[in-house]
Every structure is written in structure tokens, then in C-alpha cells.
PDB file of N, CA and C in Angstrom:
ATOM      1  N   MET A   1       0.833  -1.179  -0.007  1.00  0.00           N
ATOM      2  CA  MET A   1       0.042   0.006   0.055  1.00  0.00           C
ATOM      3  C   MET A   1       0.906   1.189  -0.040  1.00  0.00           C
ATOM      4  N   GLU A   2       0.640   2.138  -0.926  1.00  0.00           N
ATOM      5  CA  GLU A   2       1.445   3.304  -1.034  1.00  0.00           C
ATOM      6  C   GLU A   2       0.925   4.374   0.067  1.00  0.00           C
ATOM      7  N   TYR A   3       1.902   5.231   0.416  1.00  0.00           N
ATOM      8  CA  TYR A   3       1.658   6.213   1.319  1.00  0.00           C
ATOM      9  C   TYR A   3       1.511   7.530   0.633  1.00  0.00           C
ATOM     10  N   ASN A   4       0.284   8.097   0.668  1.00  0.00           N
ATOM     11  CA  ASN A   4      -0.136   9.303  -0.147  1.00  0.00           C
ATOM     12  C   ASN A   4      -0.399  10.417   0.787  1.00  0.00           C
ATOM     13  N   GLY A   5       0.366  10.587   1.814  1.00  0.00           N
ATOM     14  CA  GLY A   5       0.122  11.729   2.687  1.00  0.00           C
ATOM     15  C   GLY A   5      -0.970  11.297   3.658  1.00  0.00           C
ATOM     16  N   ARG A   6      -1.921  12.242   3.987  1.00  0.00           N
ATOM     17  CA  ARG A   6      -2.988  12.093   4.974  1.00  0.00           C
ATOM     18  C   ARG A   6      -3.946  11.120   4.430  1.00  0.00           C
ATOM     19  N   GLU A   7      -4.273  11.219   3.133  1.00  0.00           N
ATOM     20  CA  GLU A   7      -5.294  10.303   2.622  1.00  0.00           C
ATOM     21  C   GLU A   7      -4.889   8.881   2.682  1.00  0.00           C
ATOM     22  N   GLY A   8      -3.609   8.544   2.419  1.00  0.00           N
ATOM     23  CA  GLY A   8      -3.165   7.191   2.446  1.00  0.00           C
ATOM     24  C   GLY A   8      -3.039   6.679   3.958  1.00  0.00           C
ATOM     25  N   LYS A   9      -2.787   7.648   4.926  1.00  0.00           N
ATOM     26  CA  LYS A   9      -2.781   7.264   6.277  1.00  0.00           C
ATOM     27  C   LYS A   9      -4.141   6.941   6.812  1.00  0.00           C
ATOM     28  N   ILE A  10      -5.107   7.642   6.385  1.00  0.00           N
ATOM     29  CA  ILE A  10      -6.488   7.365   6.754  1.00  0.00           C
ATOM     30  C   ILE A  10      -6.965   6.011   6.194  1.00  0.00           C
ATOM     31  N   LYS A  11      -6.649   5.760   5.003  1.00  0.00           N
ATOM     32  CA  LYS A  11      -6.977   4.366   4.407  1.00  0.00           C
ATOM     33  C   LYS A  11      -6.291   3.295   5.161  1.00  0.00           C
ATOM     34  N   ALA A  12      -5.044   3.528   5.519  1.00  0.00           N
ATOM     35  CA  ALA A  12      -4.297   2.442   6.240  1.00  0.00           C
ATOM     36  C   ALA A  12      -4.853   2.236   7.598  1.00  0.00           C
ATOM     37  N   ILE A  13      -5.243   3.307   8.295  1.00  0.00           N
ATOM     38  CA  ILE A  13      -5.831   3.184   9.574  1.00  0.00           C
ATOM     39  C   ILE A  13      -7.192   2.477   9.534  1.00  0.00           C
ATOM     40  N   ALA A  14      -8.065   2.801   8.492  1.00  0.00           N
ATOM     41  CA  ALA A  14      -9.357   2.152   8.213  1.00  0.00           C
ATOM     42  C   ALA A  14      -9.163   0.631   7.965  1.00  0.00           C
ATOM     43  N   TYR A  15      -8.095   0.314   7.187  1.00  0.00           N
ATOM     44  CA  TYR A  15      -7.895  -1.072   6.891  1.00  0.00           C
ATOM     45  C   TYR A  15      -7.457  -1.877   8.181  1.00  0.00           C
ATOM     46  N   TRP A  16      -6.643  -1.257   8.947  1.00  0.00           N
ATOM     47  CA  TRP A  16      -6.148  -1.900  10.171  1.00  0.00           C
ATOM     48  C   TRP A  16      -7.380  -2.093  11.080  1.00  0.00           C
ATOM     49  N   ASN A  17      -8.332  -1.119  11.178  1.00  0.00           N
ATOM     50  CA  ASN A  17      -9.472  -1.228  12.071  1.00  0.00           C
ATOM     51  C   ASN A  17     -10.353  -2.406  11.668  1.00  0.00           C
ATOM     52  N   LYS A  18     -10.540  -2.479  10.370  1.00  0.00           N
ATOM     53  CA  LYS A  18     -11.340  -3.604   9.807  1.00  0.00           C
ATOM     54  C   LYS A  18     -10.725  -4.934  10.188  1.00  0.00           C
ATOM     55  N   PHE A  19      -9.460  -5.032   9.938  1.00  0.00           N
ATOM     56  CA  PHE A  19      -8.701  -6.258  10.235  1.00  0.00           C
ATOM     57  C   PHE A  19      -8.807  -6.625  11.718  1.00  0.00           C
ATOM     58  N   SER A  20      -8.680  -5.642  12.502  1.00  0.00           N
ATOM     59  CA  SER A  20      -8.667  -5.838  13.983  1.00  0.00           C
ATOM     60  C   SER A  20     -10.052  -6.398  14.390  1.00  0.00           C
ATOM     61  N   LYS A  21     -11.137  -5.769  13.950  1.00  0.00           N
ATOM     62  CA  LYS A  21     -12.442  -6.216  14.285  1.00  0.00           C
ATOM     63  C   LYS A  21     -12.704  -7.575  13.830  1.00  0.00           C
ATOM     64  N   LEU A  22     -12.318  -7.901  12.592  1.00  0.00           N
ATOM     65  CA  LEU A  22     -12.581  -9.329  12.100  1.00  0.00           C
ATOM     66  C   LEU A  22     -11.768 -10.303  12.918  1.00  0.00           C
ATOM     67  N   LYS A  23     -10.600  -9.932  13.175  1.00  0.00           N
ATOM     68  CA  LYS A  23      -9.770 -10.819  14.123  1.00  0.00           C
ATOM     69  C   LYS A  23     -10.360 -11.030  15.466  1.00  0.00           C
ATOM     70  N   LYS A  24     -10.893 -10.004  16.100  1.00  0.00           N
ATOM     71  CA  LYS A  24     -11.552 -10.133  17.345  1.00  0.00           C
ATOM     72  C   LYS A  24     -12.735 -11.012  17.222  1.00  0.00           C
ATOM     73  N   VAL A  25     -13.533 -10.841  16.201  1.00  0.00           N
ATOM     74  CA  VAL A  25     -14.804 -11.586  16.065  1.00  0.00           C
ATOM     75  C   VAL A  25     -14.396 -13.124  15.769  1.00  0.00           C
ATOM     76  N   CYS A  26     -13.316 -13.330  15.059  1.00  0.00           N
ATOM     77  CA  CYS A  26     -12.880 -14.725  14.823  1.00  0.00           C
ATOM     78  C   CYS A  26     -12.409 -15.387  16.140  1.00  0.00           C
ATOM     79  N   ILE A  27     -11.735 -14.620  17.059  1.00  0.00           N
ATOM     80  CA  ILE A  27     -11.296 -15.284  18.219  1.00  0.00           C
ATOM     81  C   ILE A  27     -12.462 -15.559  19.191  1.00  0.00           C
ATOM     82  N   ILE A  28     -13.406 -14.557  19.234  1.00  0.00           N
ATOM     83  CA  ILE A  28     -14.623 -14.884  20.099  1.00  0.00           C
ATOM     84  C   ILE A  28     -15.354 -16.031  19.550  1.00  0.00           C
ATOM     85  N   SER A  29     -15.563 -16.161  18.181  1.00  0.00           N
ATOM     86  CA  SER A  29     -16.281 -17.231  17.667  1.00  0.00           C
ATOM     87  C   SER A  29     -15.656 -18.569  17.930  1.00  0.00           C
ATOM     88  N   ILE A  30     -14.303 -18.574  17.765  1.00  0.00           N
ATOM     89  CA  ILE A  30     -13.536 -19.823  18.059  1.00  0.00           C
ATOM     90  C   ILE A  30     -13.686 -20.252  19.491  1.00  0.00           C
ATOM     91  N   GLY A  31     -13.608 -19.255  20.371  1.00  0.00           N
ATOM     92  CA  GLY A  31     -13.798 -19.486  21.830  1.00  0.00           C
ATOM     93  C   GLY A  31     -15.088 -20.086  22.138  1.00  0.00           C
ATOM     94  N   LEU A  32     -16.189 -19.559  21.518  1.00  0.00           N
ATOM     95  CA  LEU A  32     -17.572 -20.027  21.787  1.00  0.00           C
ATOM     96  C   LEU A  32     -17.702 -21.449  21.242  1.00  0.00           C
ATOM     97  N   PHE A  33     -17.118 -21.703  20.129  1.00  0.00           N
ATOM     98  CA  PHE A  33     -17.183 -22.963  19.496  1.00  0.00           C
ATOM     99  C   PHE A  33     -16.476 -24.104  20.402  1.00  0.00           C
ATOM    100  N   ILE A  34     -15.361 -23.722  20.869  1.00  0.00           N
ATOM    101  CA  ILE A  34     -14.646 -24.602  21.803  1.00  0.00           C
ATOM    102  C   ILE A  34     -15.443 -24.807  23.123  1.00  0.00           C
ATOM    103  N   LEU A  35     -15.960 -23.741  23.748  1.00  0.00           N
ATOM    104  CA  LEU A  35     -16.695 -23.880  24.897  1.00  0.00           C
ATOM    105  C   LEU A  35     -17.996 -24.751  24.681  1.00  0.00           C
ATOM    106  N   GLY A  36     -18.594 -24.659  23.559  1.00  0.00           N
ATOM    107  CA  GLY A  36     -19.745 -25.433  23.128  1.00  0.00           C
ATOM    108  C   GLY A  36     -19.391 -26.858  23.053  1.00  0.00           C
ATOM    109  N   ASN A  37     -18.139 -27.161  22.467  1.00  0.00           N
ATOM    110  CA  ASN A  37     -17.827 -28.615  22.428  1.00  0.00           C
ATOM    111  C   ASN A  37     -17.455 -29.193  23.798  1.00  0.00           C
ATOM    112  N   ILE A  38     -16.791 -28.432  24.640  1.00  0.00           N
ATOM    113  CA  ILE A  38     -16.521 -28.879  25.976  1.00  0.00           C
ATOM    114  C   ILE A  38     -17.841 -29.109  26.752  1.00  0.00           C
ATOM    115  N   SER A  39     -18.769 -28.224  26.494  1.00  0.00           N
ATOM    116  CA  SER A  39     -20.048 -28.367  27.223  1.00  0.00           C
ATOM    117  C   SER A  39     -20.864 -29.693  26.852  1.00  0.00           C
ATOM    118  N   ILE A  40     -20.758 -29.902  25.528  1.00  0.00           N
ATOM    119  CA  ILE A  40     -21.412 -31.062  24.958  1.00  0.00           C
ATOM    120  C   ILE A  40     -20.714 -32.346  25.527  1.00  0.00           C
ATOM    121  N   PHE A  41     -19.453 -32.350  25.546  1.00  0.00           N
ATOM    122  CA  PHE A  41     -18.754 -33.483  26.103  1.00  0.00           C
ATOM    123  C   PHE A  41     -19.013 -33.753  27.529  1.00  0.00           C
ATOM    124  N   LEU A  42     -19.039 -32.620  28.310  1.00  0.00           N
ATOM    125  CA  LEU A  42     -19.373 -32.826  29.756  1.00  0.00           C
ATOM    126  C   LEU A  42     -20.749 -33.326  29.903  1.00  0.00           C
ATOM    127  N   GLY A  43     -21.657 -32.866  29.150  1.00  0.00           N
ATOM    128  CA  GLY A  43     -23.095 -33.299  29.273  1.00  0.00           C
ATOM    129  C   GLY A  43     -23.175 -34.755  28.898  1.00  0.00           C
ATOM    130  N   LEU A  44     -22.625 -35.183  27.787  1.00  0.00           N
ATOM    131  CA  LEU A  44     -22.841 -36.567  27.278  1.00  0.00           C
ATOM    132  C   LEU A  44     -21.971 -37.564  28.064  1.00  0.00           C
ATOM    133  N   ALA A  45     -20.756 -37.196  28.238  1.00  0.00           N
ATOM    134  CA  ALA A  45     -19.820 -38.184  28.907  1.00  0.00           C
ATOM    135  C   ALA A  45     -19.913 -38.212  30.435  1.00  0.00           C
ATOM    136  N   LYS A  46     -20.091 -37.061  30.992  1.00  0.00           N
ATOM    137  CA  LYS A  46     -19.968 -37.038  32.524  1.00  0.00           C
ATOM    138  C   LYS A  46     -21.285 -36.581  33.249  1.00  0.00           C
ATOM    139  N   GLY A  47     -22.321 -36.382  32.484  1.00  0.00           N
ATOM    140  CA  GLY A  47     -23.646 -35.936  33.120  1.00  0.00           C
ATOM    141  C   GLY A  47     -24.142 -36.759  34.192  1.00  0.00           C
ATOM    142  N   ALA A  48     -24.072 -38.050  34.009  1.00  0.00           N
ATOM    143  CA  ALA A  48     -24.554 -38.980  35.085  1.00  0.00           C
ATOM    144  C   ALA A  48     -23.625 -38.893  36.267  1.00  0.00           C
ATOM    145  N   ASP A  49     -22.320 -38.854  36.134  1.00  0.00           N
ATOM    146  CA  ASP A  49     -21.318 -38.743  37.212  1.00  0.00           C
ATOM    147  C   ASP A  49     -21.615 -37.460  38.004  1.00  0.00           C
ATOM    148  N   ILE A  50     -21.791 -36.358  37.353  1.00  0.00           N
ATOM    149  CA  ILE A  50     -21.936 -35.083  37.981  1.00  0.00           C
ATOM    150  C   ILE A  50     -23.276 -35.084  38.727  1.00  0.00           C
ATOM    151  N   GLY A  51     -24.344 -35.675  38.190  1.00  0.00           N
ATOM    152  CA  GLY A  51     -25.619 -35.751  38.816  1.00  0.00           C
ATOM    153  C   GLY A  51     -25.550 -36.593  40.074  1.00  0.00           C
ATOM    154  N   SER A  52     -24.821 -37.727  39.921  1.00  0.00           N
ATOM    155  CA  SER A  52     -24.853 -38.577  41.158  1.00  0.00           C
ATOM    156  C   SER A  52     -23.908 -38.080  42.235  1.00  0.00           C
ATOM    157  N   SER A  53     -22.916 -37.369  41.940  1.00  0.00           N
ATOM    158  CA  SER A  53     -22.005 -36.733  42.898  1.00  0.00           C
ATOM    159  C   SER A  53     -22.671 -35.576  43.573  1.00  0.00           C
ATOM    160  N   LEU A  54     -23.601 -34.864  42.881  1.00  0.00           N
ATOM    161  CA  LEU A  54     -24.252 -33.741  43.537  1.00  0.00           C
ATOM    162  C   LEU A  54     -25.466 -34.229  44.413  1.00  0.00           C
ATOM    163  N   SER A  55     -25.999 -35.339  44.130  1.00  0.00           N
ATOM    164  CA  SER A  55     -27.125 -35.787  44.920  1.00  0.00           C
ATOM    165  C   SER A  55     -26.629 -36.544  46.201  1.00  0.00           C
ATOM    166  N   ARG A  56     -25.337 -36.837  46.318  1.00  0.00           N
ATOM    167  CA  ARG A  56     -24.885 -37.545  47.549  1.00  0.00           C
ATOM    168  C   ARG A  56     -24.945 -36.683  48.764  1.00  0.00           C
ATOM    169  N   PRO A  57     -25.564 -37.177  49.821  1.00  0.00           N
ATOM    170  CA  PRO A  57     -25.564 -36.430  51.027  1.00  0.00           C
ATOM    171  C   PRO A  57     -24.134 -36.492  51.688  1.00  0.00           C
ATOM    172  N   TYR A  58     -23.872 -35.538  52.495  1.00  0.00           N
ATOM    173  CA  TYR A  58     -22.526 -35.498  53.188  1.00  0.00           C
ATOM    174  C   TYR A  58     -22.390 -36.729  54.131  1.00  0.00           C
ATOM    175  N   GLY A  59     -21.307 -37.397  53.890  1.00  0.00           N
ATOM    176  CA  GLY A  59     -21.012 -38.565  54.769  1.00  0.00           C
ATOM    177  C   GLY A  59     -21.679 -39.855  54.492  1.00  0.00           C
ATOM    178  N   ALA A  60     -22.632 -39.918  53.413  1.00  0.00           N
ATOM    179  CA  ALA A  60     -23.333 -41.118  53.124  1.00  0.00           C
ATOM    180  C   ALA A  60     -22.507 -42.106  52.294  1.00  0.00           C
ATOM    181  N   ASN A  61     -22.713 -43.349  52.605  1.00  0.00           N
ATOM    182  CA  ASN A  61     -22.039 -44.400  51.818  1.00  0.00           C
ATOM    183  C   ASN A  61     -22.955 -44.996  50.715  1.00  0.00           C
ATOM    184  N   VAL A  62     -24.226 -44.904  50.957  1.00  0.00           N
ATOM    185  CA  VAL A  62     -25.282 -45.433  50.030  1.00  0.00           C
ATOM    186  C   VAL A  62     -26.328 -44.372  49.812  1.00  0.00           C
ATOM    187  N   TRP A  63     -26.660 -43.996  48.619  1.00  0.00           N
ATOM    188  CA  TRP A  63     -27.661 -43.018  48.272  1.00  0.00           C
ATOM    189  C   TRP A  63     -28.365 -43.322  46.941  1.00  0.00           C
ATOM    190  N   SER A  64     -29.477 -42.763  46.749  1.00  0.00           N
ATOM    191  CA  SER A  64     -30.182 -42.993  45.413  1.00  0.00           C
ATOM    192  C   SER A  64     -30.102 -41.770  44.571  1.00  0.00           C
ATOM    193  N   VAL A  65     -30.122 -41.904  43.346  1.00  0.00           N
ATOM    194  CA  VAL A  65     -29.973 -40.770  42.362  1.00  0.00           C
ATOM    195  C   VAL A  65     -31.284 -40.818  41.516  1.00  0.00           C
ATOM    196  N   SER A  66     -31.975 -39.707  41.508  1.00  0.00           N
ATOM    197  CA  SER A  66     -33.126 -39.603  40.755  1.00  0.00           C
ATOM    198  C   SER A  66     -32.775 -39.450  39.250  1.00  0.00           C
ATOM    199  N   ASN A  67     -33.645 -40.116  38.389  1.00  0.00           N
ATOM    200  CA  ASN A  67     -33.415 -40.046  36.962  1.00  0.00           C
ATOM    201  C   ASN A  67     -33.492 -38.608  36.401  1.00  0.00           C
ATOM    202  N   GLU A  68     -34.311 -37.781  36.998  1.00  0.00           N
ATOM    203  CA  GLU A  68     -34.505 -36.408  36.490  1.00  0.00           C
ATOM    204  C   GLU A  68     -33.144 -35.614  36.711  1.00  0.00           C
ATOM    205  N   LEU A  69     -32.424 -35.842  37.806  1.00  0.00           N
ATOM    206  CA  LEU A  69     -31.179 -35.142  38.091  1.00  0.00           C
ATOM    207  C   LEU A  69     -30.164 -35.594  36.977  1.00  0.00           C
ATOM    208  N   VAL A  70     -30.108 -36.787  36.744  1.00  0.00           N
ATOM    209  CA  VAL A  70     -29.115 -37.374  35.749  1.00  0.00           C
ATOM    210  C   VAL A  70     -29.504 -36.747  34.372  1.00  0.00           C
ATOM    211  N   ARG A  71     -30.755 -36.747  34.043  1.00  0.00           N
ATOM    212  CA  ARG A  71     -31.234 -36.165  32.757  1.00  0.00           C
ATOM    213  C   ARG A  71     -30.862 -34.690  32.736  1.00  0.00           C
ATOM    214  N   ALA A  72     -31.136 -34.010  33.807  1.00  0.00           N
ATOM    215  CA  ALA A  72     -30.773 -32.597  33.789  1.00  0.00           C
ATOM    216  C   ALA A  72     -29.357 -32.223  33.491  1.00  0.00           C
ATOM    217  N   TRP A  73     -28.470 -33.093  34.345  1.00  0.00           N
ATOM    218  CA  TRP A  73     -27.025 -32.833  33.952  1.00  0.00           C
ATOM    219  C   TRP A  73     -26.548 -33.465  32.733  1.00  0.00           C
ATOM    220  N   THR A  74     -27.327 -34.225  32.056  1.00  0.00           N
ATOM    221  CA  THR A  74     -26.935 -34.602  30.637  1.00  0.00           C
ATOM    222  C   THR A  74     -27.495 -33.781  29.608  1.00  0.00           C
ATOM    223  N   TYR A  75     -28.821 -33.305  29.735  1.00  0.00           N
ATOM    224  CA  TYR A  75     -29.331 -32.514  28.660  1.00  0.00           C
ATOM    225  C   TYR A  75     -29.034 -31.027  28.730  1.00  0.00           C
ATOM    226  N   ALA A  76     -28.964 -30.391  29.878  1.00  0.00           N
ATOM    227  CA  ALA A  76     -28.692 -29.011  30.007  1.00  0.00           C
ATOM    228  C   ALA A  76     -27.319 -28.585  29.505  1.00  0.00           C
ATOM    229  N   PRO A  77     -26.217 -29.280  29.865  1.00  0.00           N
ATOM    230  CA  PRO A  77     -24.908 -28.825  29.211  1.00  0.00           C
ATOM    231  C   PRO A  77     -24.882 -29.154  27.754  1.00  0.00           C
ATOM    232  N   THR A  78     -25.606 -30.208  27.289  1.00  0.00           N
ATOM    233  CA  THR A  78     -25.668 -30.550  25.865  1.00  0.00           C
ATOM    234  C   THR A  78     -26.388 -29.313  25.059  1.00  0.00           C
ATOM    235  N   ILE A  79     -27.543 -29.020  25.608  1.00  0.00           N
ATOM    236  CA  ILE A  79     -28.247 -27.969  24.886  1.00  0.00           C
ATOM    237  C   ILE A  79     -27.569 -26.645  24.915  1.00  0.00           C
ATOM    238  N   LEU A  80     -26.909 -26.359  26.074  1.00  0.00           N
ATOM    239  CA  LEU A  80     -26.062 -25.110  26.103  1.00  0.00           C
ATOM    240  C   LEU A  80     -24.936 -25.195  25.142  1.00  0.00           C
ATOM    241  N   GLY A  81     -24.340 -26.287  25.001  1.00  0.00           N
ATOM    242  CA  GLY A  81     -23.208 -26.461  23.992  1.00  0.00           C
ATOM    243  C   GLY A  81     -23.653 -26.307  22.570  1.00  0.00           C
ATOM    244  N   ILE A  82     -24.771 -26.902  22.228  1.00  0.00           N
ATOM    245  CA  ILE A  82     -25.241 -26.770  20.939  1.00  0.00           C
ATOM    246  C   ILE A  82     -25.663 -25.328  20.704  1.00  0.00           C
ATOM    247  N   SER A  83     -26.148 -24.573  21.646  1.00  0.00           N
ATOM    248  CA  SER A  83     -26.546 -23.167  21.506  1.00  0.00           C
ATOM    249  C   SER A  83     -25.375 -22.392  21.255  1.00  0.00           C
ATOM    250  N   LEU A  84     -24.207 -22.698  21.922  1.00  0.00           N
ATOM    251  CA  LEU A  84     -23.040 -21.931  21.806  1.00  0.00           C
ATOM    252  C   LEU A  84     -22.393 -22.097  20.450  1.00  0.00           C
ATOM    253  N   ILE A  85     -22.456 -23.351  19.986  1.00  0.00           N
ATOM    254  CA  ILE A  85     -21.908 -23.693  18.667  1.00  0.00           C
ATOM    255  C   ILE A  85     -22.725 -22.875  17.584  1.00  0.00           C
ATOM    256  N   ILE A  86     -24.047 -22.939  17.639  1.00  0.00           N
ATOM    257  CA  ILE A  86     -24.840 -22.228  16.696  1.00  0.00           C
ATOM    258  C   ILE A  86     -24.621 -20.661  16.774  1.00  0.00           C
ATOM    259  N   ILE A  87     -24.507 -20.040  17.958  1.00  0.00           N
ATOM    260  CA  ILE A  87     -24.155 -18.679  18.115  1.00  0.00           C
ATOM    261  C   ILE A  87     -22.814 -18.336  17.427  1.00  0.00           C
ATOM    262  N   SER A  88     -21.816 -19.193  17.693  1.00  0.00           N
ATOM    263  CA  SER A  88     -20.489 -18.946  17.061  1.00  0.00           C
ATOM    264  C   SER A  88     -20.525 -19.017  15.554  1.00  0.00           C
ATOM    265  N   ILE A  89     -21.367 -19.931  14.926  1.00  0.00           N
ATOM    266  CA  ILE A  89     -21.407 -20.059  13.522  1.00  0.00           C
ATOM    267  C   ILE A  89     -22.238 -18.848  12.976  1.00  0.00           C
ATOM    268  N   ILE A  90     -23.212 -18.349  13.664  1.00  0.00           N
ATOM    269  CA  ILE A  90     -23.961 -17.161  13.258  1.00  0.00           C
ATOM    270  C   ILE A  90     -23.139 -16.015  13.352  1.00  0.00           C
ATOM    271  N   LEU A  91     -22.303 -15.797  14.342  1.00  0.00           N
ATOM    272  CA  LEU A  91     -21.421 -14.679  14.587  1.00  0.00           C
ATOM    273  C   LEU A  91     -20.424 -14.625  13.551  1.00  0.00           C
ATOM    274  N   ILE A  92     -19.763 -15.707  13.234  1.00  0.00           N
ATOM    275  CA  ILE A  92     -18.635 -15.633  12.275  1.00  0.00           C
ATOM    276  C   ILE A  92     -19.262 -15.489  10.797  1.00  0.00           C
ATOM    277  N   THR A  93     -20.441 -15.967  10.586  1.00  0.00           N
ATOM    278  CA  THR A  93     -21.057 -15.843   9.229  1.00  0.00           C
ATOM    279  C   THR A  93     -21.450 -14.365   8.992  1.00  0.00           C
ATOM    280  N   ILE A  94     -22.036 -13.719   9.995  1.00  0.00           N
ATOM    281  CA  ILE A  94     -22.361 -12.252   9.910  1.00  0.00           C
ATOM    282  C   ILE A  94     -21.115 -11.455   9.721  1.00  0.00           C
ATOM    283  N   ALA A  95     -20.101 -11.696  10.504  1.00  0.00           N
ATOM    284  CA  ALA A  95     -18.806 -10.958  10.380  1.00  0.00           C
ATOM    285  C   ALA A  95     -18.208 -11.129   9.020  1.00  0.00           C
ATOM    286  N   LEU A  96     -18.244 -12.353   8.410  1.00  0.00           N
ATOM    287  CA  LEU A  96     -17.552 -12.575   7.136  1.00  0.00           C
ATOM    288  C   LEU A  96     -18.453 -11.968   6.037  1.00  0.00           C
ATOM    289  N   ILE A  97     -19.744 -12.044   6.141  1.00  0.00           N
ATOM    290  CA  ILE A  97     -20.556 -11.310   5.122  1.00  0.00           C
ATOM    291  C   ILE A  97     -20.378  -9.858   5.090  1.00  0.00           C
ATOM    292  N   ASN A  98     -20.298  -9.204   6.315  1.00  0.00           N
ATOM    293  CA  ASN A  98     -20.054  -7.753   6.404  1.00  0.00           C
ATOM    294  C   ASN A  98     -18.675  -7.443   5.906  1.00  0.00           C
ATOM    295  N   TRP A  99     -17.647  -8.235   6.129  1.00  0.00           N
ATOM    296  CA  TRP A  99     -16.349  -8.053   5.713  1.00  0.00           C
ATOM    297  C   TRP A  99     -16.239  -8.144   4.189  1.00  0.00           C
ATOM    298  N   LEU A 100     -16.984  -9.122   3.673  1.00  0.00           N
ATOM    299  CA  LEU A 100     -16.895  -9.248   2.138  1.00  0.00           C
ATOM    300  C   LEU A 100     -17.651  -8.131   1.494  1.00  0.00           C
ATOM    301  N   LYS A 101     -18.685  -7.572   2.087  1.00  0.00           N
ATOM    302  CA  LYS A 101     -19.359  -6.437   1.522  1.00  0.00           C
ATOM    303  C   LYS A 101     -18.519  -5.253   1.407  1.00  0.00           C
ATOM    304  N   THR A 102     -17.697  -5.083   2.447  1.00  0.00           N
ATOM    305  CA  THR A 102     -16.806  -3.868   2.471  1.00  0.00           C
ATOM    306  C   THR A 102     -15.663  -3.994   1.566  1.00  0.00           C
ATOM    307  N   GLU A 103     -15.273  -5.140   1.172  1.00  0.00           N
ATOM    308  CA  GLU A 103     -14.065  -5.318   0.310  1.00  0.00           C
ATOM    309  C   GLU A 103     -14.397  -4.918  -1.210  1.00  0.00           C
TER     310      GLU A 103
END
């Protein structure tokens, strides 16, 4: 990019700001995607374990676990994870569409 005095400097700053915003949106989107995957893993792989450990009374050797608690700790993190993945896909899609329109 050539430097044409003040006009070139303004164009360079505007280009840098666009790049910076896109980079920030990509980092946020990737973070949401990773958090969604971790949440889905915790819900599906460890939901029953989390539910049973939370229902254990203090100092008890034997206890019963309700199916509703196990389902809650299985489905709630899974639904949250799917929602985070969908939000990250929507966010990156909107950012890329806006970025392509300005190019």
C-alpha cells in the first residue's frame, strides 16, 4: 500500500481497524465453539457422574440418584453447548458477510 500523505494514512488506519475487528470476532467465535464442544462433552460423557455426585448427602455411603437429576445434568450442558456452537457459527457468518461487502 502506498503512502499518499494524509489520505493514505486514513486508508491504512481504516484497513487496520477492519482487520482488527474481524480478528476479534474470529477469536470470540472460536472460543464460543470450543466452549460449546466442551459443554457437549461434559453433558454426554460426565452428566450422570456429575448428577450422582451432587445428589450424595454429606457422609453417606449409600444413596439413590433420581433419573431427573441425571437427565438434567446430561441435557442441560448438551443444549447449552449446541446453542454456543450455533451462536458462534452465526457470529462468524455475519462478520464474514459484512467483511466481504466492504471489500
